[in-house]
Structure formats: structure tokens, C-alpha cells
Amino acid sequence: MPQEGEQSLPLVRSLNSRIPVKVVFCNRTPRVLRPLWIDFRGEPQAFDDLQPGTGRLIYTFIGHPWMFREAETDEPLRVNGKELFLPKPAEGENATSATITLPVYSLKDRTLQVIRRLVRPEDYRRLEIARCLHEELEDRPSALMDLRRMNQRVEQHLLERIQGQEE
């Protein structure tokens, strides 16, 4: 437990592991993606961008989480259908596959993405749309914010499990 005034480490972070694993990152999107390794403090560390339709063999460790973002916009991408990739050991000498795809966007989210690409941020408030949409346009995608949200979900899940055991 952290002492008073001390900040606790986030739950979503790399663990100290000495078990190496080979992973192939496969970009199955039409976009340039940026792999982000979540370090031991829970901070995203960017790796070299991956072009559309390409792959890259990387060496990482069991217990080291990764997330993937669109390089230009920081929009979240999916890896094996999830927000986060946690490498697991593969059979024999084989590499584990991490297939990165686009998520299924709601019409509203996709519209916000297109507007962000076509309209300068200083012009958002000039658009004749609902005020709440102006605010959502200004609330740009952020890997850090998504990590905070994931940490809150994990913490909430753990608290619910503890409360369930106490009953």
C-alpha cells in the first residue's frame, strides 16, 4: 500500500518478467499505426510506426501490455478484438500474433473523426451542430485518457470482486 502523499502505480502496467516472447504485429488497417508499450510506471512508450498492411516481428515479455493507436489522430485501434494486448507464450518457437484492426465505430464517432480531419479545431464552434458535439470534437482521442479509463475499470472490477467475497 502506498504511504500518505505517495502515488500508487496504475494497475495497467508492465510487470517484471524474464519470460521472453516473440510477437508479430500485423497491421490489418488502412491506416498508419503506432504501437505503444505500457511501461513499468503505466506510461505509454511509442515504438516505430507500422504502415498499413504490414507486419513486424518484435521481442517482448510476458506481462508487458501493448496498445495500438492511429499514428496521425491517436484514435484507438483493436488488437485481436480488444483494447489491450497481453503477450502469452506461443507453442514451441512460434511467434504469437497480434492482429490490429479498426474498431466498429458508431455513426456519431465516425462522423466526429471525419469532422476532425476536415475542419480546423478553431472552427468547431462555428459549425451549426449541438453544443455537446462541439465539446466532443474538442475532446480529442488520447492514449493517456484511455489508459486512465482502463485502470478505473480494472480497479472497479477488483473492488466488486472483493465486496462479493466479503458477503
N, C-alpha and C. Protein backbone atom coordinates (compact mmCIF):
# COMPACT_ATOMS: atom_id res chain seq x y z
N MET A 1 0.84 -1.18 0.00
CA MET A 1 0.00 0.00 0.00
C MET A 1 0.88 1.24 0.00
N PRO A 2 0.53 2.23 -0.80
CA PRO A 2 1.31 3.46 -0.80
C PRO A 2 1.09 4.24 0.50
N GLN A 3 2.12 4.93 0.94
CA GLN A 3 2.05 5.78 2.12
C GLN A 3 1.30 7.06 1.75
N GLU A 4 0.87 7.81 2.77
CA GLU A 4 0.14 9.05 2.51
C GLU A 4 1.03 9.99 1.71
N GLY A 5 0.45 10.60 0.68
CA GLY A 5 1.21 11.51 -0.19
C GLY A 5 1.94 10.79 -1.32
N GLU A 6 2.08 9.48 -1.20
CA GLU A 6 2.72 8.68 -2.24
C GLU A 6 1.68 8.30 -3.28
N GLN A 7 2.07 8.27 -4.52
CA GLN A 7 1.13 7.88 -5.57
C GLN A 7 1.31 6.40 -5.88
N SER A 8 0.19 5.67 -5.96
CA SER A 8 0.27 4.25 -6.26
C SER A 8 0.46 4.06 -7.76
N LEU A 9 1.06 2.94 -8.10
CA LEU A 9 1.26 2.61 -9.51
C LEU A 9 -0.07 2.22 -10.13
N PRO A 10 -0.27 2.54 -11.40
CA PRO A 10 -1.51 2.10 -12.05
C PRO A 10 -1.53 0.58 -12.17
N LEU A 11 -2.72 0.03 -12.27
CA LEU A 11 -2.87 -1.42 -12.39
C LEU A 11 -2.47 -1.91 -13.78
N VAL A 12 -2.70 -1.11 -14.82
CA VAL A 12 -2.32 -1.49 -16.17
C VAL A 12 -0.90 -0.98 -16.41
N ARG A 13 0.05 -1.90 -16.29
CA ARG A 13 1.47 -1.58 -16.47
C ARG A 13 2.24 -2.87 -16.72
N SER A 14 3.48 -2.73 -17.17
CA SER A 14 4.32 -3.92 -17.36
C SER A 14 4.77 -4.46 -16.02
N LEU A 15 4.78 -5.77 -15.93
CA LEU A 15 5.27 -6.45 -14.74
C LEU A 15 6.69 -6.92 -15.02
N ASN A 16 7.45 -7.07 -13.95
CA ASN A 16 8.83 -7.51 -14.10
C ASN A 16 8.84 -8.99 -14.47
N SER A 17 9.08 -9.27 -15.73
CA SER A 17 9.04 -10.63 -16.24
C SER A 17 10.34 -10.92 -16.98
N ARG A 18 10.81 -12.12 -16.83
CA ARG A 18 12.02 -12.54 -17.55
C ARG A 18 11.68 -13.60 -18.60
N ILE A 19 10.38 -13.72 -18.91
CA ILE A 19 9.95 -14.72 -19.88
C ILE A 19 9.75 -14.03 -21.23
N PRO A 20 10.73 -14.19 -22.14
CA PRO A 20 10.62 -13.52 -23.44
C PRO A 20 9.59 -14.20 -24.33
N VAL A 21 9.06 -13.40 -25.25
CA VAL A 21 8.09 -13.93 -26.22
C VAL A 21 8.26 -13.15 -27.53
N LYS A 22 8.15 -13.89 -28.64
CA LYS A 22 8.17 -13.26 -29.97
C LYS A 22 6.74 -12.97 -30.36
N VAL A 23 6.51 -11.77 -30.89
CA VAL A 23 5.17 -11.37 -31.31
C VAL A 23 5.27 -10.76 -32.70
N VAL A 24 4.31 -11.08 -33.56
CA VAL A 24 4.21 -10.41 -34.85
C VAL A 24 3.03 -9.45 -34.78
N PHE A 25 3.34 -8.16 -34.90
CA PHE A 25 2.29 -7.14 -35.01
C PHE A 25 1.86 -7.09 -36.47
N CYS A 26 0.59 -7.35 -36.75
CA CYS A 26 0.06 -7.35 -38.12
C CYS A 26 -0.93 -6.21 -38.26
N ASN A 27 -0.59 -5.21 -39.06
CA ASN A 27 -1.48 -4.06 -39.26
C ASN A 27 -2.46 -4.39 -40.38
N ARG A 28 -3.68 -4.71 -40.02
CA ARG A 28 -4.73 -5.04 -40.98
C ARG A 28 -5.68 -3.86 -41.19
N THR A 29 -5.16 -2.66 -40.99
CA THR A 29 -5.96 -1.45 -41.19
C THR A 29 -5.42 -0.68 -42.39
N PRO A 30 -6.21 0.27 -42.91
CA PRO A 30 -5.71 1.12 -44.00
C PRO A 30 -4.97 2.34 -43.44
N ARG A 31 -4.61 2.31 -42.17
CA ARG A 31 -4.00 3.47 -41.51
C ARG A 31 -2.63 3.14 -40.95
N VAL A 32 -1.80 4.18 -40.82
CA VAL A 32 -0.51 4.02 -40.16
C VAL A 32 -0.79 3.91 -38.67
N LEU A 33 -0.22 2.89 -38.03
CA LEU A 33 -0.48 2.71 -36.61
C LEU A 33 0.79 2.89 -35.80
N ARG A 34 0.59 3.22 -34.54
CA ARG A 34 1.70 3.40 -33.60
C ARG A 34 1.52 2.41 -32.45
N PRO A 35 2.46 1.44 -32.33
CA PRO A 35 2.43 0.54 -31.17
C PRO A 35 2.89 1.29 -29.92
N LEU A 36 2.19 1.09 -28.82
CA LEU A 36 2.56 1.70 -27.55
C LEU A 36 2.76 0.60 -26.51
N TRP A 37 3.98 0.50 -26.01
CA TRP A 37 4.27 -0.42 -24.90
C TRP A 37 3.94 0.33 -23.62
N ILE A 38 3.23 -0.31 -22.71
CA ILE A 38 2.90 0.30 -21.43
C ILE A 38 4.01 -0.10 -20.45
N ASP A 39 4.79 0.89 -20.03
CA ASP A 39 6.00 0.61 -19.24
C ASP A 39 5.67 0.25 -17.79
N PHE A 40 6.71 0.14 -16.97
CA PHE A 40 6.57 -0.30 -15.58
C PHE A 40 5.86 0.72 -14.69
N ARG A 41 5.76 1.96 -15.14
CA ARG A 41 5.04 3.02 -14.41
C ARG A 41 3.64 3.23 -14.97
N GLY A 42 3.27 2.45 -16.01
CA GLY A 42 1.95 2.60 -16.63
C GLY A 42 1.92 3.70 -17.68
N GLU A 43 3.09 4.14 -18.15
CA GLU A 43 3.18 5.20 -19.16
C GLU A 43 3.34 4.57 -20.55
N PRO A 44 2.61 5.09 -21.54
CA PRO A 44 2.76 4.54 -22.90
C PRO A 44 4.08 5.00 -23.53
N GLN A 45 4.80 4.06 -24.11
CA GLN A 45 6.06 4.35 -24.80
C GLN A 45 5.90 3.96 -26.27
N ALA A 46 6.03 4.95 -27.14
CA ALA A 46 5.80 4.73 -28.58
C ALA A 46 6.96 3.96 -29.21
N PHE A 47 6.59 3.05 -30.10
CA PHE A 47 7.55 2.34 -30.93
C PHE A 47 7.36 2.82 -32.37
N ASP A 48 8.26 2.40 -33.26
CA ASP A 48 8.18 2.84 -34.66
C ASP A 48 6.83 2.50 -35.27
N ASP A 49 6.31 3.47 -36.05
CA ASP A 49 5.02 3.30 -36.72
C ASP A 49 5.05 2.11 -37.67
N LEU A 50 3.87 1.55 -37.89
CA LEU A 50 3.69 0.40 -38.77
C LEU A 50 2.75 0.80 -39.90
N GLN A 51 3.20 0.64 -41.12
CA GLN A 51 2.42 1.04 -42.29
C GLN A 51 1.25 0.09 -42.52
N PRO A 52 0.21 0.56 -43.22
CA PRO A 52 -0.95 -0.29 -43.50
C PRO A 52 -0.56 -1.59 -44.20
N GLY A 53 -1.18 -2.68 -43.80
CA GLY A 53 -0.97 -3.96 -44.46
C GLY A 53 0.39 -4.59 -44.23
N THR A 54 1.15 -4.10 -43.25
CA THR A 54 2.47 -4.67 -42.99
C THR A 54 2.51 -5.31 -41.61
N GLY A 55 3.61 -5.99 -41.34
CA GLY A 55 3.81 -6.62 -40.05
C GLY A 55 5.22 -6.41 -39.57
N ARG A 56 5.43 -6.69 -38.29
CA ARG A 56 6.78 -6.55 -37.72
C ARG A 56 6.93 -7.56 -36.59
N LEU A 57 8.05 -8.25 -36.60
CA LEU A 57 8.38 -9.17 -35.51
C LEU A 57 9.04 -8.36 -34.40
N ILE A 58 8.54 -8.49 -33.19
CA ILE A 58 9.15 -7.81 -32.06
C ILE A 58 9.39 -8.84 -30.95
N TYR A 59 10.30 -8.49 -30.07
CA TYR A 59 10.59 -9.32 -28.91
C TYR A 59 10.16 -8.53 -27.68
N THR A 60 9.33 -9.14 -26.87
CA THR A 60 8.82 -8.50 -25.67
C THR A 60 8.78 -9.56 -24.57
N PHE A 61 8.03 -9.33 -23.52
CA PHE A 61 7.97 -10.26 -22.39
C PHE A 61 6.53 -10.51 -21.98
N ILE A 62 6.31 -11.68 -21.40
CA ILE A 62 5.01 -12.00 -20.79
C ILE A 62 4.74 -10.92 -19.74
N GLY A 63 3.49 -10.45 -19.67
CA GLY A 63 3.14 -9.44 -18.67
C GLY A 63 3.43 -8.01 -19.09
N HIS A 64 3.81 -7.81 -20.37
CA HIS A 64 4.04 -6.45 -20.88
C HIS A 64 2.89 -6.07 -21.81
N PRO A 65 1.99 -5.18 -21.37
CA PRO A 65 0.85 -4.80 -22.20
C PRO A 65 1.22 -3.83 -23.32
N TRP A 66 0.46 -3.94 -24.41
CA TRP A 66 0.61 -3.08 -25.58
C TRP A 66 -0.76 -2.56 -25.98
N MET A 67 -0.78 -1.32 -26.50
CA MET A 67 -1.99 -0.80 -27.13
C MET A 67 -1.57 -0.20 -28.46
N PHE A 68 -2.53 0.00 -29.34
CA PHE A 68 -2.23 0.47 -30.69
C PHE A 68 -3.13 1.63 -31.02
N ARG A 69 -2.53 2.67 -31.61
CA ARG A 69 -3.25 3.90 -31.93
C ARG A 69 -2.99 4.28 -33.37
N GLU A 70 -3.95 4.99 -33.96
CA GLU A 70 -3.71 5.56 -35.27
C GLU A 70 -2.65 6.64 -35.08
N ALA A 71 -1.58 6.59 -35.89
CA ALA A 71 -0.43 7.47 -35.68
C ALA A 71 -0.79 8.95 -35.79
N GLU A 72 -1.61 9.30 -36.75
CA GLU A 72 -1.92 10.72 -37.00
C GLU A 72 -2.91 11.30 -35.99
N THR A 73 -3.93 10.54 -35.61
CA THR A 73 -5.02 11.09 -34.81
C THR A 73 -5.07 10.59 -33.37
N ASP A 74 -4.31 9.57 -33.05
CA ASP A 74 -4.33 8.92 -31.73
C ASP A 74 -5.64 8.18 -31.46
N GLU A 75 -6.42 7.92 -32.50
CA GLU A 75 -7.65 7.13 -32.35
C GLU A 75 -7.25 5.71 -31.93
N PRO A 76 -8.02 5.10 -31.03
CA PRO A 76 -7.70 3.73 -30.60
C PRO A 76 -8.00 2.71 -31.69
N LEU A 77 -7.16 1.69 -31.74
CA LEU A 77 -7.38 0.56 -32.64
C LEU A 77 -7.57 -0.69 -31.79
N ARG A 78 -8.00 -1.76 -32.40
CA ARG A 78 -8.23 -3.02 -31.69
C ARG A 78 -7.08 -3.97 -32.00
N VAL A 79 -6.74 -4.79 -31.04
CA VAL A 79 -5.72 -5.81 -31.23
C VAL A 79 -6.33 -7.14 -30.79
N ASN A 80 -6.43 -8.06 -31.74
CA ASN A 80 -7.11 -9.34 -31.51
C ASN A 80 -8.50 -9.09 -30.91
N GLY A 81 -9.15 -8.01 -31.39
CA GLY A 81 -10.51 -7.69 -30.97
C GLY A 81 -10.61 -6.96 -29.63
N LYS A 82 -9.49 -6.58 -29.03
CA LYS A 82 -9.52 -5.96 -27.70
C LYS A 82 -8.76 -4.63 -27.70
N GLU A 83 -8.91 -3.91 -26.59
CA GLU A 83 -8.22 -2.62 -26.44
C GLU A 83 -6.73 -2.79 -26.15
N LEU A 84 -6.39 -3.89 -25.49
CA LEU A 84 -5.04 -4.09 -24.97
C LEU A 84 -4.55 -5.48 -25.36
N PHE A 85 -3.26 -5.59 -25.61
CA PHE A 85 -2.65 -6.88 -25.95
C PHE A 85 -1.69 -7.26 -24.83
N LEU A 86 -1.92 -8.44 -24.25
CA LEU A 86 -1.01 -9.01 -23.25
C LEU A 86 -0.40 -10.27 -23.85
N PRO A 87 0.89 -10.25 -24.19
CA PRO A 87 1.50 -11.42 -24.84
C PRO A 87 1.45 -12.66 -23.96
N LYS A 88 1.22 -13.78 -24.62
CA LYS A 88 1.23 -15.08 -23.96
C LYS A 88 2.24 -15.94 -24.69
N PRO A 89 2.76 -16.96 -24.04
CA PRO A 89 3.73 -17.82 -24.74
C PRO A 89 3.08 -18.57 -25.89
N ALA A 90 3.83 -18.72 -26.96
CA ALA A 90 3.35 -19.48 -28.13
C ALA A 90 3.88 -20.91 -28.03
N GLU A 91 3.30 -21.76 -28.85
CA GLU A 91 3.75 -23.16 -28.91
C GLU A 91 5.14 -23.22 -29.52
N GLY A 92 6.05 -23.88 -28.86
CA GLY A 92 7.40 -24.07 -29.40
C GLY A 92 8.11 -22.75 -29.66
N GLU A 93 8.71 -22.64 -30.83
CA GLU A 93 9.46 -21.44 -31.21
C GLU A 93 8.61 -20.46 -32.01
N ASN A 94 7.32 -20.73 -32.14
CA ASN A 94 6.44 -19.87 -32.94
C ASN A 94 6.27 -18.50 -32.29
N ALA A 95 5.91 -17.53 -33.12
CA ALA A 95 5.61 -16.19 -32.62
C ALA A 95 4.11 -16.09 -32.37
N THR A 96 3.75 -15.33 -31.37
CA THR A 96 2.35 -15.01 -31.08
C THR A 96 1.91 -13.93 -32.05
N SER A 97 0.67 -13.98 -32.48
CA SER A 97 0.17 -12.99 -33.43
C SER A 97 -0.67 -11.93 -32.73
N ALA A 98 -0.41 -10.67 -33.08
CA ALA A 98 -1.22 -9.54 -32.60
C ALA A 98 -1.77 -8.86 -33.85
N THR A 99 -3.03 -9.13 -34.15
CA THR A 99 -3.65 -8.59 -35.36
C THR A 99 -4.39 -7.31 -35.02
N ILE A 100 -3.95 -6.21 -35.62
CA ILE A 100 -4.52 -4.89 -35.33
C ILE A 100 -5.53 -4.54 -36.41
N THR A 101 -6.74 -4.18 -35.96
CA THR A 101 -7.84 -3.85 -36.87
C THR A 101 -8.52 -2.57 -36.40
N LEU A 102 -9.38 -2.05 -37.27
CA LEU A 102 -10.21 -0.90 -36.89
C LEU A 102 -11.34 -1.38 -36.00
N PRO A 103 -11.72 -0.59 -35.01
CA PRO A 103 -12.92 -0.95 -34.25
C PRO A 103 -14.17 -0.69 -35.08
N VAL A 104 -15.30 -1.17 -34.64
CA VAL A 104 -16.56 -0.83 -35.28
C VAL A 104 -17.02 0.47 -34.62
N TYR A 105 -17.00 1.55 -35.39
CA TYR A 105 -17.35 2.86 -34.86
C TYR A 105 -18.85 3.08 -34.96
N SER A 106 -19.39 3.80 -33.98
CA SER A 106 -20.77 4.25 -34.10
C SER A 106 -20.79 5.33 -35.18
N LEU A 107 -21.95 5.61 -35.72
CA LEU A 107 -22.08 6.66 -36.73
C LEU A 107 -21.60 7.99 -36.16
N LYS A 108 -21.94 8.28 -34.92
CA LYS A 108 -21.53 9.53 -34.28
C LYS A 108 -20.01 9.61 -34.17
N ASP A 109 -19.35 8.54 -33.69
CA ASP A 109 -17.90 8.55 -33.54
C ASP A 109 -17.19 8.71 -34.88
N ARG A 110 -17.69 8.00 -35.89
CA ARG A 110 -17.07 8.11 -37.22
C ARG A 110 -17.25 9.52 -37.78
N THR A 111 -18.42 10.12 -37.54
CA THR A 111 -18.68 11.49 -38.00
C THR A 111 -17.73 12.47 -37.31
N LEU A 112 -17.52 12.29 -36.00
CA LEU A 112 -16.59 13.16 -35.28
C LEU A 112 -15.17 13.03 -35.85
N GLN A 113 -14.76 11.81 -36.19
CA GLN A 113 -13.44 11.60 -36.79
C GLN A 113 -13.31 12.36 -38.11
N VAL A 114 -14.32 12.26 -38.95
CA VAL A 114 -14.27 12.91 -40.27
C VAL A 114 -14.25 14.43 -40.10
N ILE A 115 -15.07 14.95 -39.21
CA ILE A 115 -15.08 16.41 -38.97
C ILE A 115 -13.71 16.87 -38.47
N ARG A 116 -13.10 16.09 -37.55
CA ARG A 116 -11.76 16.47 -37.06
C ARG A 116 -10.73 16.51 -38.19
N ARG A 117 -10.89 15.65 -39.18
CA ARG A 117 -9.96 15.65 -40.31
C ARG A 117 -10.21 16.82 -41.26
N LEU A 118 -11.46 17.25 -41.40
CA LEU A 118 -11.81 18.25 -42.41
C LEU A 118 -11.88 19.69 -41.88
N VAL A 119 -12.10 19.85 -40.58
CA VAL A 119 -12.33 21.18 -40.01
C VAL A 119 -11.22 21.50 -39.01
N ARG A 120 -10.70 22.71 -39.07
CA ARG A 120 -9.69 23.15 -38.11
C ARG A 120 -10.32 23.27 -36.72
N PRO A 121 -9.60 22.91 -35.65
CA PRO A 121 -10.17 22.98 -34.30
C PRO A 121 -10.74 24.35 -33.94
N GLU A 122 -10.11 25.41 -34.40
CA GLU A 122 -10.63 26.75 -34.06
C GLU A 122 -11.97 27.06 -34.74
N ASP A 123 -12.35 26.23 -35.71
CA ASP A 123 -13.62 26.44 -36.41
C ASP A 123 -14.74 25.53 -35.92
N TYR A 124 -14.47 24.64 -34.97
CA TYR A 124 -15.51 23.71 -34.48
C TYR A 124 -16.74 24.46 -33.99
N ARG A 125 -16.55 25.53 -33.25
CA ARG A 125 -17.68 26.26 -32.64
C ARG A 125 -18.51 27.01 -33.68
N ARG A 126 -18.00 27.14 -34.88
CA ARG A 126 -18.76 27.80 -35.95
C ARG A 126 -19.73 26.83 -36.63
N LEU A 127 -19.53 25.55 -36.42
CA LEU A 127 -20.42 24.56 -37.03
C LEU A 127 -21.80 24.64 -36.38
N GLU A 128 -22.82 24.53 -37.18
CA GLU A 128 -24.19 24.58 -36.66
C GLU A 128 -24.62 23.18 -36.25
N ILE A 129 -24.09 22.77 -35.09
CA ILE A 129 -24.40 21.46 -34.52
C ILE A 129 -24.66 21.65 -33.03
N ALA A 130 -25.15 20.61 -32.38
CA ALA A 130 -25.44 20.69 -30.94
C ALA A 130 -24.17 21.02 -30.16
N ARG A 131 -24.34 21.82 -29.10
CA ARG A 131 -23.21 22.26 -28.27
C ARG A 131 -22.42 21.07 -27.73
N CYS A 132 -23.12 20.01 -27.34
CA CYS A 132 -22.41 18.84 -26.79
C CYS A 132 -21.47 18.23 -27.84
N LEU A 133 -21.82 18.35 -29.12
CA LEU A 133 -20.94 17.84 -30.18
C LEU A 133 -19.71 18.73 -30.33
N HIS A 134 -19.85 20.03 -30.11
CA HIS A 134 -18.67 20.90 -30.11
C HIS A 134 -17.68 20.42 -29.05
N GLU A 135 -18.22 20.12 -27.86
CA GLU A 135 -17.36 19.66 -26.76
C GLU A 135 -16.72 18.31 -27.08
N GLU A 136 -17.46 17.43 -27.70
CA GLU A 136 -16.89 16.13 -28.05
C GLU A 136 -15.81 16.26 -29.12
N LEU A 137 -16.00 17.18 -30.06
CA LEU A 137 -14.97 17.41 -31.07
C LEU A 137 -13.68 17.91 -30.42
N GLU A 138 -13.83 18.77 -29.43
CA GLU A 138 -12.66 19.33 -28.75
C GLU A 138 -12.00 18.32 -27.83
N ASP A 139 -12.73 17.30 -27.44
CA ASP A 139 -12.20 16.24 -26.58
C ASP A 139 -11.52 15.20 -27.47
N ARG A 140 -10.30 15.51 -27.90
CA ARG A 140 -9.59 14.67 -28.86
C ARG A 140 -9.18 13.34 -28.24
N PRO A 141 -9.03 12.30 -29.07
CA PRO A 141 -8.60 10.99 -28.56
C PRO A 141 -7.24 11.11 -27.86
N SER A 142 -7.05 10.32 -26.82
CA SER A 142 -5.82 10.36 -26.04
C SER A 142 -5.52 8.99 -25.45
N ALA A 143 -4.33 8.48 -25.74
CA ALA A 143 -3.92 7.19 -25.18
C ALA A 143 -3.85 7.27 -23.66
N LEU A 144 -3.38 8.40 -23.12
CA LEU A 144 -3.30 8.55 -21.66
C LEU A 144 -4.68 8.50 -21.01
N MET A 145 -5.65 9.18 -21.62
CA MET A 145 -7.01 9.16 -21.07
C MET A 145 -7.60 7.75 -21.15
N ASP A 146 -7.34 7.05 -22.24
CA ASP A 146 -7.85 5.68 -22.37
C ASP A 146 -7.21 4.75 -21.34
N LEU A 147 -5.91 4.95 -21.06
CA LEU A 147 -5.25 4.15 -20.03
C LEU A 147 -5.85 4.43 -18.65
N ARG A 148 -6.14 5.69 -18.36
CA ARG A 148 -6.78 6.03 -17.08
C ARG A 148 -8.14 5.35 -16.96
N ARG A 149 -8.90 5.37 -18.06
CA ARG A 149 -10.21 4.73 -18.07
C ARG A 149 -10.07 3.22 -17.85
N MET A 150 -9.09 2.59 -18.50
CA MET A 150 -8.87 1.15 -18.31
C MET A 150 -8.49 0.85 -16.86
N ASN A 151 -7.63 1.68 -16.28
CA ASN A 151 -7.22 1.49 -14.89
C ASN A 151 -8.42 1.61 -13.95
N GLN A 152 -9.30 2.56 -14.22
CA GLN A 152 -10.50 2.72 -13.39
C GLN A 152 -11.40 1.49 -13.50
N ARG A 153 -11.55 0.96 -14.73
CA ARG A 153 -12.38 -0.24 -14.91
C ARG A 153 -11.79 -1.44 -14.17
N VAL A 154 -10.47 -1.61 -14.26
CA VAL A 154 -9.81 -2.74 -13.57
C VAL A 154 -9.98 -2.57 -12.06
N GLU A 155 -9.76 -1.36 -11.56
CA GLU A 155 -9.90 -1.10 -10.13
C GLU A 155 -11.34 -1.38 -9.67
N GLN A 156 -12.32 -0.92 -10.44
CA GLN A 156 -13.73 -1.15 -10.10
C GLN A 156 -14.05 -2.64 -10.09
N HIS A 157 -13.54 -3.36 -11.08
CA HIS A 157 -13.76 -4.81 -11.16
C HIS A 157 -13.17 -5.51 -9.93
N LEU A 158 -11.96 -5.11 -9.53
CA LEU A 158 -11.33 -5.72 -8.36
C LEU A 158 -12.12 -5.41 -7.08
N LEU A 159 -12.58 -4.17 -6.94
CA LEU A 159 -13.38 -3.79 -5.77
C LEU A 159 -14.67 -4.60 -5.70
N GLU A 160 -15.32 -4.79 -6.85
CA GLU A 160 -16.56 -5.58 -6.88
C GLU A 160 -16.29 -7.03 -6.48
N ARG A 161 -15.18 -7.57 -6.93
CA ARG A 161 -14.84 -8.96 -6.57
C ARG A 161 -14.55 -9.08 -5.08
N ILE A 162 -13.85 -8.09 -4.51
CA ILE A 162 -13.55 -8.11 -3.07
C ILE A 162 -14.86 -8.01 -2.28
N GLN A 163 -15.74 -7.10 -2.68
CA GLN A 163 -17.01 -6.95 -1.99
C GLN A 163 -17.86 -8.21 -2.10
N GLY A 164 -17.80 -8.88 -3.25
CA GLY A 164 -18.53 -10.13 -3.44
C GLY A 164 -18.04 -11.23 -2.54
N GLN A 165 -16.72 -11.25 -2.24
CA GLN A 165 -16.16 -12.28 -1.35
C GLN A 165 -16.49 -12.01 0.10
N GLU A 166 -16.67 -10.73 0.45
CA GLU A 166 -16.97 -10.35 1.83
C GLU A 166 -18.41 -10.67 2.20
N GLU A 167 -19.29 -10.79 1.22
CA GLU A 167 -20.71 -11.03 1.50
C GLU A 167 -21.00 -12.46 1.83
